[in-house]
Amino acid sequence: MDQFAEMLVKKLPSSKDDLKRALIITGAAVITLGAVALVFIGYPLALVLPVCAIWAAVYLMRMTNVEYEYSVTNGSLDIDKILGQNKRRSMLSIDVGSFTVYGRAGEVSESDAEMTTFLAGGVSLMGEDDDAEEYYAEFDHPEHGKCCLYFTPDSRFREALEPFLSRTLRQELKRRNAQ
């Protein structure tokens, strides 16, 4: 029987995201005001510009809404990035057994090596009991080389993920949890 678990996480907006939104609104306002000025000068066709600018602003604002979907199926972890609640991109697929480091982000010793970093953390959208914590994993990926992953699984998702870890990582995790 297949073992499957999934979780939906909403990315918390950063100051960079707020700056993007402010620039989008400012750009739409400038284009709209410029189009109004062009209409007064004698170019009535410029009325199309504000409509296009507002449509583009609404579209771009929706694309700043980011969610991550974690799913684990028989030891294969897949993370998808969802933009604007309708555009899905596969972010990462990895076998959990290939993790070389795994644990709470503050408790594990991270490597100093240069790595590709995947950030997929946020706030759980799955339920009211939000016991999601930031976790860290290192692994070798066939396409990206040495990688690290920061993500925020809840206890139910961790229970589905952890049996597929290597024996040494499971023992180390039990030892850390016992302390």
N, C-alpha and C. Protein backbone atom coordinates (compact mmCIF):
# COMPACT_ATOMS: atom_id res chain seq x y z
N MET A 1 0.84 -1.18 0.00
CA MET A 1 0.00 0.00 0.00
C MET A 1 0.89 1.24 0.00
N ASP A 2 0.55 2.20 -0.84
CA ASP A 2 1.32 3.43 -0.93
C ASP A 2 1.10 4.30 0.30
N GLN A 3 2.17 4.93 0.73
CA GLN A 3 2.08 5.88 1.82
C GLN A 3 2.16 7.28 1.22
N PHE A 4 1.17 8.13 1.54
CA PHE A 4 1.08 9.44 0.93
C PHE A 4 0.66 10.47 1.97
N ALA A 5 1.29 11.63 1.92
CA ALA A 5 0.87 12.77 2.76
C ALA A 5 1.16 14.04 1.99
N GLU A 6 0.32 15.03 2.19
CA GLU A 6 0.57 16.32 1.55
C GLU A 6 0.23 17.45 2.52
N MET A 7 0.79 18.60 2.22
CA MET A 7 0.62 19.76 3.09
C MET A 7 0.73 21.01 2.24
N LEU A 8 -0.09 22.00 2.54
CA LEU A 8 -0.08 23.28 1.84
C LEU A 8 0.40 24.36 2.79
N VAL A 9 1.38 25.16 2.34
CA VAL A 9 2.01 26.18 3.18
C VAL A 9 1.97 27.50 2.42
N LYS A 10 1.58 28.57 3.11
CA LYS A 10 1.57 29.91 2.50
C LYS A 10 2.82 30.66 2.93
N LYS A 11 3.54 31.20 1.94
CA LYS A 11 4.75 31.97 2.22
C LYS A 11 4.36 33.28 2.90
N LEU A 12 5.06 33.59 3.98
CA LEU A 12 4.84 34.87 4.64
C LEU A 12 5.46 35.98 3.80
N PRO A 13 4.74 37.07 3.56
CA PRO A 13 5.29 38.15 2.75
C PRO A 13 6.48 38.81 3.45
N SER A 14 7.53 39.06 2.69
CA SER A 14 8.71 39.73 3.22
C SER A 14 8.67 41.20 2.81
N SER A 15 9.64 41.96 3.27
CA SER A 15 9.71 43.37 2.88
C SER A 15 9.99 43.49 1.38
N LYS A 16 10.68 42.50 0.82
CA LYS A 16 10.92 42.49 -0.62
C LYS A 16 9.60 42.33 -1.39
N ASP A 17 8.71 41.47 -0.88
CA ASP A 17 7.39 41.30 -1.51
C ASP A 17 6.57 42.58 -1.40
N ASP A 18 6.65 43.25 -0.25
CA ASP A 18 5.93 44.51 -0.08
C ASP A 18 6.45 45.57 -1.04
N LEU A 19 7.76 45.59 -1.26
CA LEU A 19 8.35 46.54 -2.20
C LEU A 19 7.88 46.25 -3.62
N LYS A 20 7.81 44.97 -3.99
CA LYS A 20 7.30 44.61 -5.32
C LYS A 20 5.88 45.11 -5.52
N ARG A 21 5.04 44.89 -4.51
CA ARG A 21 3.65 45.34 -4.60
C ARG A 21 3.56 46.85 -4.73
N ALA A 22 4.37 47.57 -3.96
CA ALA A 22 4.37 49.03 -4.03
C ALA A 22 4.81 49.51 -5.41
N LEU A 23 5.82 48.87 -5.99
CA LEU A 23 6.29 49.25 -7.33
C LEU A 23 5.23 48.95 -8.39
N ILE A 24 4.52 47.85 -8.24
CA ILE A 24 3.45 47.51 -9.19
C ILE A 24 2.36 48.57 -9.15
N ILE A 25 1.93 48.96 -7.96
CA ILE A 25 0.88 49.97 -7.82
C ILE A 25 1.37 51.32 -8.35
N THR A 26 2.60 51.68 -8.03
CA THR A 26 3.15 52.95 -8.50
C THR A 26 3.24 52.97 -10.03
N GLY A 27 3.71 51.88 -10.61
CA GLY A 27 3.81 51.81 -12.06
C GLY A 27 2.46 51.94 -12.74
N ALA A 28 1.45 51.25 -12.20
CA ALA A 28 0.10 51.34 -12.78
C ALA A 28 -0.45 52.76 -12.65
N ALA A 29 -0.18 53.42 -11.52
CA ALA A 29 -0.66 54.79 -11.32
C ALA A 29 0.02 55.76 -12.28
N VAL A 30 1.33 55.61 -12.48
CA VAL A 30 2.06 56.49 -13.39
C VAL A 30 1.57 56.31 -14.83
N ILE A 31 1.37 55.07 -15.25
CA ILE A 31 0.88 54.82 -16.60
C ILE A 31 -0.53 55.40 -16.78
N THR A 32 -1.38 55.24 -15.77
CA THR A 32 -2.74 55.77 -15.84
C THR A 32 -2.73 57.29 -15.94
N LEU A 33 -1.92 57.94 -15.11
CA LEU A 33 -1.85 59.41 -15.16
C LEU A 33 -1.26 59.89 -16.49
N GLY A 34 -0.26 59.18 -16.99
CA GLY A 34 0.32 59.53 -18.29
C GLY A 34 -0.69 59.38 -19.41
N ALA A 35 -1.51 58.34 -19.34
CA ALA A 35 -2.52 58.13 -20.37
C ALA A 35 -3.58 59.22 -20.33
N VAL A 36 -3.96 59.65 -19.13
CA VAL A 36 -4.94 60.74 -19.01
C VAL A 36 -4.37 62.02 -19.63
N ALA A 37 -3.08 62.28 -19.38
CA ALA A 37 -2.43 63.46 -19.98
C ALA A 37 -2.43 63.35 -21.50
N LEU A 38 -2.17 62.16 -22.03
CA LEU A 38 -2.18 61.98 -23.48
C LEU A 38 -3.57 62.19 -24.07
N VAL A 39 -4.61 61.81 -23.35
CA VAL A 39 -5.98 62.03 -23.83
C VAL A 39 -6.26 63.52 -23.94
N PHE A 40 -5.83 64.30 -22.95
CA PHE A 40 -6.05 65.75 -22.98
C PHE A 40 -5.24 66.42 -24.10
N ILE A 41 -4.11 65.83 -24.46
CA ILE A 41 -3.30 66.39 -25.55
C ILE A 41 -3.95 66.10 -26.90
N GLY A 42 -4.73 65.05 -26.98
CA GLY A 42 -5.41 64.77 -28.24
C GLY A 42 -5.22 63.36 -28.76
N TYR A 43 -4.85 62.45 -27.91
CA TYR A 43 -4.69 61.04 -28.31
C TYR A 43 -5.73 60.18 -27.59
N PRO A 44 -6.95 60.10 -28.10
CA PRO A 44 -8.00 59.36 -27.39
C PRO A 44 -7.72 57.85 -27.30
N LEU A 45 -6.88 57.36 -28.17
CA LEU A 45 -6.55 55.93 -28.14
C LEU A 45 -5.74 55.57 -26.89
N ALA A 46 -5.20 56.57 -26.22
CA ALA A 46 -4.41 56.34 -25.01
C ALA A 46 -5.26 55.83 -23.85
N LEU A 47 -6.59 55.86 -23.99
CA LEU A 47 -7.47 55.32 -22.95
C LEU A 47 -7.30 53.81 -22.77
N VAL A 48 -6.71 53.15 -23.74
CA VAL A 48 -6.47 51.72 -23.64
C VAL A 48 -5.36 51.44 -22.62
N LEU A 49 -4.39 52.36 -22.50
CA LEU A 49 -3.26 52.16 -21.60
C LEU A 49 -3.66 51.94 -20.14
N PRO A 50 -4.56 52.77 -19.57
CA PRO A 50 -4.92 52.52 -18.16
C PRO A 50 -5.59 51.17 -17.95
N VAL A 51 -6.39 50.73 -18.89
CA VAL A 51 -7.05 49.43 -18.77
C VAL A 51 -6.00 48.32 -18.75
N CYS A 52 -5.03 48.42 -19.66
CA CYS A 52 -3.96 47.41 -19.70
C CYS A 52 -3.09 47.47 -18.45
N ALA A 53 -2.81 48.68 -17.97
CA ALA A 53 -1.96 48.84 -16.79
C ALA A 53 -2.65 48.27 -15.55
N ILE A 54 -3.93 48.51 -15.41
CA ILE A 54 -4.66 48.00 -14.24
C ILE A 54 -4.78 46.48 -14.32
N TRP A 55 -5.04 45.94 -15.52
CA TRP A 55 -5.11 44.49 -15.66
C TRP A 55 -3.76 43.86 -15.31
N ALA A 56 -2.67 44.45 -15.82
CA ALA A 56 -1.33 43.92 -15.53
C ALA A 56 -1.02 44.02 -14.04
N ALA A 57 -1.42 45.12 -13.40
CA ALA A 57 -1.16 45.29 -11.97
C ALA A 57 -1.90 44.23 -11.15
N VAL A 58 -3.15 43.98 -11.50
CA VAL A 58 -3.93 42.95 -10.78
C VAL A 58 -3.28 41.58 -10.97
N TYR A 59 -2.87 41.27 -12.18
CA TYR A 59 -2.23 39.98 -12.47
C TYR A 59 -0.93 39.85 -11.68
N LEU A 60 -0.08 40.86 -11.72
CA LEU A 60 1.20 40.80 -11.02
C LEU A 60 1.02 40.75 -9.51
N MET A 61 0.02 41.45 -8.99
CA MET A 61 -0.25 41.39 -7.54
C MET A 61 -0.66 39.98 -7.12
N ARG A 62 -1.46 39.33 -7.94
CA ARG A 62 -1.85 37.95 -7.63
C ARG A 62 -0.66 37.02 -7.66
N MET A 63 0.30 37.28 -8.56
CA MET A 63 1.48 36.42 -8.66
C MET A 63 2.43 36.58 -7.47
N THR A 64 2.26 37.62 -6.67
CA THR A 64 3.09 37.76 -5.47
C THR A 64 2.55 36.90 -4.33
N ASN A 65 1.37 36.32 -4.49
CA ASN A 65 0.81 35.39 -3.50
C ASN A 65 1.41 34.01 -3.77
N VAL A 66 2.29 33.55 -2.88
CA VAL A 66 3.03 32.31 -3.10
C VAL A 66 2.65 31.27 -2.05
N GLU A 67 2.39 30.06 -2.51
CA GLU A 67 2.13 28.92 -1.63
C GLU A 67 3.04 27.76 -2.07
N TYR A 68 3.32 26.87 -1.13
CA TYR A 68 4.11 25.68 -1.43
C TYR A 68 3.28 24.46 -1.06
N GLU A 69 3.31 23.46 -1.92
CA GLU A 69 2.65 22.20 -1.62
C GLU A 69 3.73 21.13 -1.45
N TYR A 70 3.76 20.53 -0.25
CA TYR A 70 4.67 19.42 0.00
C TYR A 70 3.87 18.14 -0.17
N SER A 71 4.47 17.16 -0.80
CA SER A 71 3.85 15.84 -0.85
C SER A 71 4.95 14.79 -0.78
N VAL A 72 4.67 13.75 0.00
CA VAL A 72 5.60 12.64 0.11
C VAL A 72 4.84 11.37 -0.25
N THR A 73 5.39 10.63 -1.20
CA THR A 73 4.80 9.39 -1.65
C THR A 73 5.88 8.33 -1.64
N ASN A 74 5.74 7.37 -0.74
CA ASN A 74 6.69 6.26 -0.63
C ASN A 74 8.15 6.73 -0.61
N GLY A 75 8.41 7.78 0.15
CA GLY A 75 9.79 8.25 0.31
C GLY A 75 10.25 9.26 -0.70
N SER A 76 9.41 9.66 -1.62
CA SER A 76 9.76 10.68 -2.60
C SER A 76 9.11 12.00 -2.20
N LEU A 77 9.94 13.00 -1.89
CA LEU A 77 9.44 14.31 -1.49
C LEU A 77 9.35 15.20 -2.72
N ASP A 78 8.17 15.75 -2.96
CA ASP A 78 7.94 16.69 -4.06
C ASP A 78 7.46 18.00 -3.47
N ILE A 79 8.06 19.10 -3.91
CA ILE A 79 7.64 20.42 -3.47
C ILE A 79 7.29 21.23 -4.71
N ASP A 80 6.06 21.73 -4.74
CA ASP A 80 5.58 22.56 -5.84
C ASP A 80 5.38 23.98 -5.34
N LYS A 81 5.69 24.95 -6.19
CA LYS A 81 5.46 26.35 -5.87
C LYS A 81 4.22 26.79 -6.63
N ILE A 82 3.26 27.37 -5.91
CA ILE A 82 1.99 27.79 -6.52
C ILE A 82 1.93 29.31 -6.47
N LEU A 83 1.86 29.92 -7.64
CA LEU A 83 1.81 31.38 -7.75
C LEU A 83 0.39 31.82 -8.06
N GLY A 84 -0.13 32.76 -7.29
CA GLY A 84 -1.46 33.30 -7.56
C GLY A 84 -2.57 32.29 -7.49
N GLN A 85 -2.40 31.22 -6.79
CA GLN A 85 -3.35 30.13 -6.59
C GLN A 85 -3.77 29.43 -7.88
N ASN A 86 -3.02 29.64 -8.98
CA ASN A 86 -3.41 28.94 -10.20
C ASN A 86 -2.24 28.51 -11.07
N LYS A 87 -1.04 29.01 -10.82
CA LYS A 87 0.10 28.66 -11.65
C LYS A 87 1.05 27.81 -10.82
N ARG A 88 1.16 26.55 -11.16
CA ARG A 88 1.96 25.59 -10.38
C ARG A 88 3.25 25.27 -11.12
N ARG A 89 4.36 25.31 -10.34
CA ARG A 89 5.67 24.94 -10.88
C ARG A 89 6.29 23.90 -9.95
N SER A 90 6.85 22.87 -10.55
CA SER A 90 7.56 21.89 -9.75
C SER A 90 8.88 22.51 -9.31
N MET A 91 9.10 22.54 -8.00
CA MET A 91 10.29 23.18 -7.46
C MET A 91 11.39 22.16 -7.19
N LEU A 92 11.00 21.00 -6.64
CA LEU A 92 12.00 20.03 -6.22
C LEU A 92 11.36 18.65 -6.10
N SER A 93 12.08 17.64 -6.53
CA SER A 93 11.72 16.24 -6.31
C SER A 93 12.97 15.53 -5.85
N ILE A 94 12.88 14.86 -4.70
CA ILE A 94 14.06 14.21 -4.14
C ILE A 94 13.63 12.98 -3.33
N ASP A 95 14.48 11.97 -3.32
CA ASP A 95 14.25 10.80 -2.50
C ASP A 95 14.70 11.13 -1.07
N VAL A 96 13.83 10.95 -0.10
CA VAL A 96 14.12 11.29 1.30
C VAL A 96 15.30 10.48 1.82
N GLY A 97 15.50 9.30 1.32
CA GLY A 97 16.62 8.46 1.75
C GLY A 97 17.97 9.05 1.38
N SER A 98 18.01 10.01 0.48
CA SER A 98 19.28 10.63 0.08
C SER A 98 19.66 11.82 0.96
N PHE A 99 18.83 12.15 1.96
CA PHE A 99 19.17 13.24 2.87
C PHE A 99 20.43 12.87 3.66
N THR A 100 21.38 13.77 3.73
CA THR A 100 22.59 13.56 4.53
C THR A 100 22.49 14.26 5.88
N VAL A 101 21.68 15.31 5.95
CA VAL A 101 21.42 16.04 7.19
C VAL A 101 19.93 16.34 7.21
N TYR A 102 19.30 16.16 8.40
CA TYR A 102 17.87 16.45 8.53
C TYR A 102 17.59 16.78 9.99
N GLY A 103 16.78 17.78 10.22
CA GLY A 103 16.37 18.13 11.57
C GLY A 103 15.85 19.55 11.64
N ARG A 104 15.49 19.96 12.86
CA ARG A 104 15.04 21.34 13.07
C ARG A 104 16.16 22.28 12.65
N ALA A 105 15.79 23.38 12.06
CA ALA A 105 16.79 24.29 11.49
C ALA A 105 17.79 24.78 12.53
N GLY A 106 17.39 24.95 13.75
CA GLY A 106 18.30 25.45 14.77
C GLY A 106 19.12 24.37 15.45
N GLU A 107 18.78 23.11 15.26
CA GLU A 107 19.43 22.03 16.00
C GLU A 107 20.49 21.27 15.21
N VAL A 108 20.46 21.33 13.90
CA VAL A 108 21.41 20.56 13.10
C VAL A 108 22.60 21.44 12.72
N SER A 109 23.73 20.79 12.51
CA SER A 109 24.91 21.53 12.06
C SER A 109 24.93 21.52 10.53
N GLU A 110 24.84 22.71 9.98
CA GLU A 110 24.78 22.85 8.53
C GLU A 110 26.20 22.84 7.95
N SER A 111 26.35 22.31 6.77
CA SER A 111 27.65 22.26 6.10
C SER A 111 28.07 23.66 5.66
N ASP A 112 29.36 23.84 5.56
CA ASP A 112 29.89 25.12 5.09
C ASP A 112 30.08 25.13 3.58
N ALA A 113 29.82 24.00 2.93
CA ALA A 113 30.04 23.90 1.49
C ALA A 113 29.07 24.82 0.74
N GLU A 114 29.47 25.20 -0.46
CA GLU A 114 28.61 26.01 -1.31
C GLU A 114 27.50 25.12 -1.86
N MET A 115 26.25 25.54 -1.67
CA MET A 115 25.12 24.70 -2.04
C MET A 115 24.04 25.52 -2.73
N THR A 116 23.18 24.83 -3.44
CA THR A 116 21.96 25.43 -3.96
C THR A 116 20.94 25.38 -2.83
N THR A 117 20.32 26.51 -2.53
CA THR A 117 19.38 26.59 -1.40
C THR A 117 17.95 26.68 -1.93
N PHE A 118 17.08 25.85 -1.37
CA PHE A 118 15.66 25.89 -1.68
C PHE A 118 14.92 26.38 -0.44
N LEU A 119 14.20 27.48 -0.57
CA LEU A 119 13.41 28.03 0.52
C LEU A 119 11.95 27.76 0.23
N ALA A 120 11.28 27.00 1.08
CA ALA A 120 9.88 26.65 0.87
C ALA A 120 9.15 26.69 2.20
N GLY A 121 9.40 27.71 2.98
CA GLY A 121 8.80 27.81 4.31
C GLY A 121 7.63 28.76 4.33
N GLY A 122 6.84 28.64 5.38
CA GLY A 122 5.69 29.52 5.53
C GLY A 122 4.80 29.07 6.66
N VAL A 123 3.52 29.39 6.53
CA VAL A 123 2.52 29.07 7.53
C VAL A 123 1.55 28.05 6.95
N SER A 124 1.26 27.02 7.72
CA SER A 124 0.39 25.94 7.24
C SER A 124 -1.01 26.44 6.94
N LEU A 125 -1.57 25.97 5.83
CA LEU A 125 -2.96 26.26 5.48
C LEU A 125 -3.86 25.05 5.69
N MET A 126 -3.30 23.99 6.29
CA MET A 126 -4.02 22.72 6.37
C MET A 126 -4.96 22.62 7.57
N GLY A 127 -4.71 23.38 8.61
CA GLY A 127 -5.58 23.22 9.76
C GLY A 127 -5.31 24.24 10.83
N GLU A 128 -6.07 24.14 11.90
CA GLU A 128 -5.96 25.10 12.99
C GLU A 128 -4.78 24.78 13.90
N ASP A 129 -4.41 23.51 14.03
CA ASP A 129 -3.29 23.13 14.90
C ASP A 129 -2.00 23.34 14.13
N ASP A 130 -1.44 24.52 14.25
CA ASP A 130 -0.23 24.82 13.49
C ASP A 130 0.99 24.52 14.34
N ASP A 131 1.47 23.27 14.25
CA ASP A 131 2.68 22.88 14.96
C ASP A 131 3.85 22.77 13.99
N ALA A 132 3.71 23.45 12.85
CA ALA A 132 4.77 23.42 11.85
C ALA A 132 5.99 24.18 12.36
N GLU A 133 7.15 23.57 12.18
CA GLU A 133 8.42 24.17 12.57
C GLU A 133 9.33 24.17 11.35
N GLU A 134 10.31 25.08 11.37
CA GLU A 134 11.23 25.13 10.25
C GLU A 134 12.24 23.99 10.37
N TYR A 135 12.33 23.21 9.31
CA TYR A 135 13.26 22.09 9.24
C TYR A 135 14.27 22.35 8.14
N TYR A 136 15.39 21.63 8.25
CA TYR A 136 16.50 21.79 7.34
C TYR A 136 16.91 20.40 6.84
N ALA A 137 17.24 20.31 5.57
CA ALA A 137 17.73 19.05 5.00
C ALA A 137 18.82 19.34 3.99
N GLU A 138 19.84 18.50 3.98
CA GLU A 138 20.89 18.56 2.96
C GLU A 138 20.86 17.28 2.15
N PHE A 139 21.19 17.39 0.88
CA PHE A 139 21.17 16.22 0.00
C PHE A 139 21.93 16.52 -1.27
N ASP A 140 22.28 15.48 -2.00
CA ASP A 140 22.88 15.61 -3.32
C ASP A 140 21.79 15.39 -4.35
N HIS A 141 21.61 16.36 -5.23
CA HIS A 141 20.57 16.28 -6.25
C HIS A 141 21.22 16.03 -7.60
N PRO A 142 20.65 15.17 -8.45
CA PRO A 142 21.28 14.86 -9.74
C PRO A 142 21.45 16.09 -10.65
N GLU A 143 20.53 17.05 -10.59
CA GLU A 143 20.60 18.23 -11.47
C GLU A 143 21.30 19.42 -10.81
N HIS A 144 21.06 19.62 -9.52
CA HIS A 144 21.51 20.82 -8.83
C HIS A 144 22.77 20.63 -8.00
N GLY A 145 23.24 19.41 -7.87
CA GLY A 145 24.43 19.14 -7.06
C GLY A 145 24.11 19.16 -5.58
N LYS A 146 25.03 19.66 -4.77
CA LYS A 146 24.85 19.74 -3.31
C LYS A 146 23.78 20.79 -3.01
N CYS A 147 22.75 20.40 -2.25
CA CYS A 147 21.62 21.29 -2.00
C CYS A 147 21.23 21.28 -0.54
N CYS A 148 20.55 22.35 -0.13
CA CYS A 148 19.91 22.38 1.18
C CYS A 148 18.49 22.89 1.01
N LEU A 149 17.62 22.46 1.90
CA LEU A 149 16.20 22.78 1.83
C LEU A 149 15.75 23.27 3.19
N TYR A 150 15.09 24.42 3.22
CA TYR A 150 14.41 24.92 4.41
C TYR A 150 12.92 24.82 4.14
N PHE A 151 12.20 24.11 5.00
CA PHE A 151 10.75 23.96 4.84
C PHE A 151 10.09 23.84 6.20
N THR A 152 8.78 23.95 6.26
CA THR A 152 8.05 23.96 7.53
C THR A 152 6.96 22.89 7.56
N PRO A 153 7.35 21.63 7.76
CA PRO A 153 6.33 20.57 7.85
C PRO A 153 5.69 20.54 9.24
N ASP A 154 4.43 20.13 9.29
CA ASP A 154 3.79 19.93 10.59
C ASP A 154 4.06 18.50 11.06
N SER A 155 3.59 18.15 12.25
CA SER A 155 3.91 16.85 12.84
C SER A 155 3.36 15.69 12.00
N ARG A 156 2.18 15.85 11.43
CA ARG A 156 1.59 14.78 10.61
C ARG A 156 2.45 14.52 9.37
N PHE A 157 2.94 15.59 8.75
CA PHE A 157 3.77 15.42 7.56
C PHE A 157 5.13 14.83 7.93
N ARG A 158 5.70 15.25 9.07
CA ARG A 158 6.98 14.70 9.51
C ARG A 158 6.87 13.21 9.80
N GLU A 159 5.74 12.79 10.38
CA GLU A 159 5.52 11.36 10.67
C GLU A 159 5.50 10.54 9.38
N ALA A 160 4.99 11.11 8.31
CA ALA A 160 4.96 10.40 7.03
C ALA A 160 6.32 10.42 6.34
N LEU A 161 7.12 11.45 6.61
CA LEU A 161 8.41 11.63 5.94
C LEU A 161 9.54 10.86 6.61
N GLU A 162 9.59 10.88 7.94
CA GLU A 162 10.74 10.37 8.68
C GLU A 162 11.00 8.87 8.58
N PRO A 163 10.01 8.00 8.38
CA PRO A 163 10.34 6.58 8.22
C PRO A 163 11.21 6.28 6.98
N PHE A 164 11.24 7.19 6.03
CA PHE A 164 12.01 6.96 4.81
C PHE A 164 13.43 7.52 4.89
N LEU A 165 13.77 8.17 6.00
CA LEU A 165 15.13 8.66 6.18
C LEU A 165 16.09 7.49 6.32
N SER A 166 17.38 7.74 6.10
CA SER A 166 18.37 6.68 6.29
C SER A 166 18.40 6.29 7.77
N ARG A 167 18.88 5.10 8.05
CA ARG A 167 18.90 4.58 9.42
C ARG A 167 19.69 5.50 10.36
N THR A 168 20.83 6.01 9.89
CA THR A 168 21.65 6.88 10.76
C THR A 168 20.93 8.18 11.08
N LEU A 169 20.22 8.75 10.12
CA LEU A 169 19.47 9.98 10.39
C LEU A 169 18.30 9.73 11.34
N ARG A 170 17.63 8.58 11.18
CA ARG A 170 16.52 8.26 12.09
C ARG A 170 17.04 8.10 13.52
N GLN A 171 18.18 7.42 13.68
CA GLN A 171 18.75 7.24 15.02
C GLN A 171 19.19 8.57 15.61
N GLU A 172 19.80 9.42 14.81
CA GLU A 172 20.22 10.74 15.28
C GLU A 172 19.02 11.59 15.67
N LEU A 173 17.94 11.48 14.90
CA LEU A 173 16.71 12.22 15.20
C LEU A 173 16.10 11.74 16.51
N LYS A 174 16.09 10.42 16.74
CA LYS A 174 15.57 9.88 18.00
C LYS A 174 16.42 10.35 19.18
N ARG A 175 17.73 10.38 18.98
CA ARG A 175 18.62 10.82 20.05
C ARG A 175 18.36 12.30 20.38
N ARG A 176 18.20 13.14 19.36
CA ARG A 176 17.93 14.56 19.59
C ARG A 176 16.58 14.78 20.26
N ASN A 177 15.58 13.99 19.86
CA ASN A 177 14.25 14.14 20.45
C ASN A 177 14.21 13.64 21.88
N ALA A 178 15.07 12.69 22.23
CA ALA A 178 15.12 12.16 23.60
C ALA A 178 15.72 13.16 24.58
N GLN A 179 16.53 14.06 24.07
CA GLN A 179 17.20 15.03 24.97
C GLN A 179 16.27 16.11 25.45
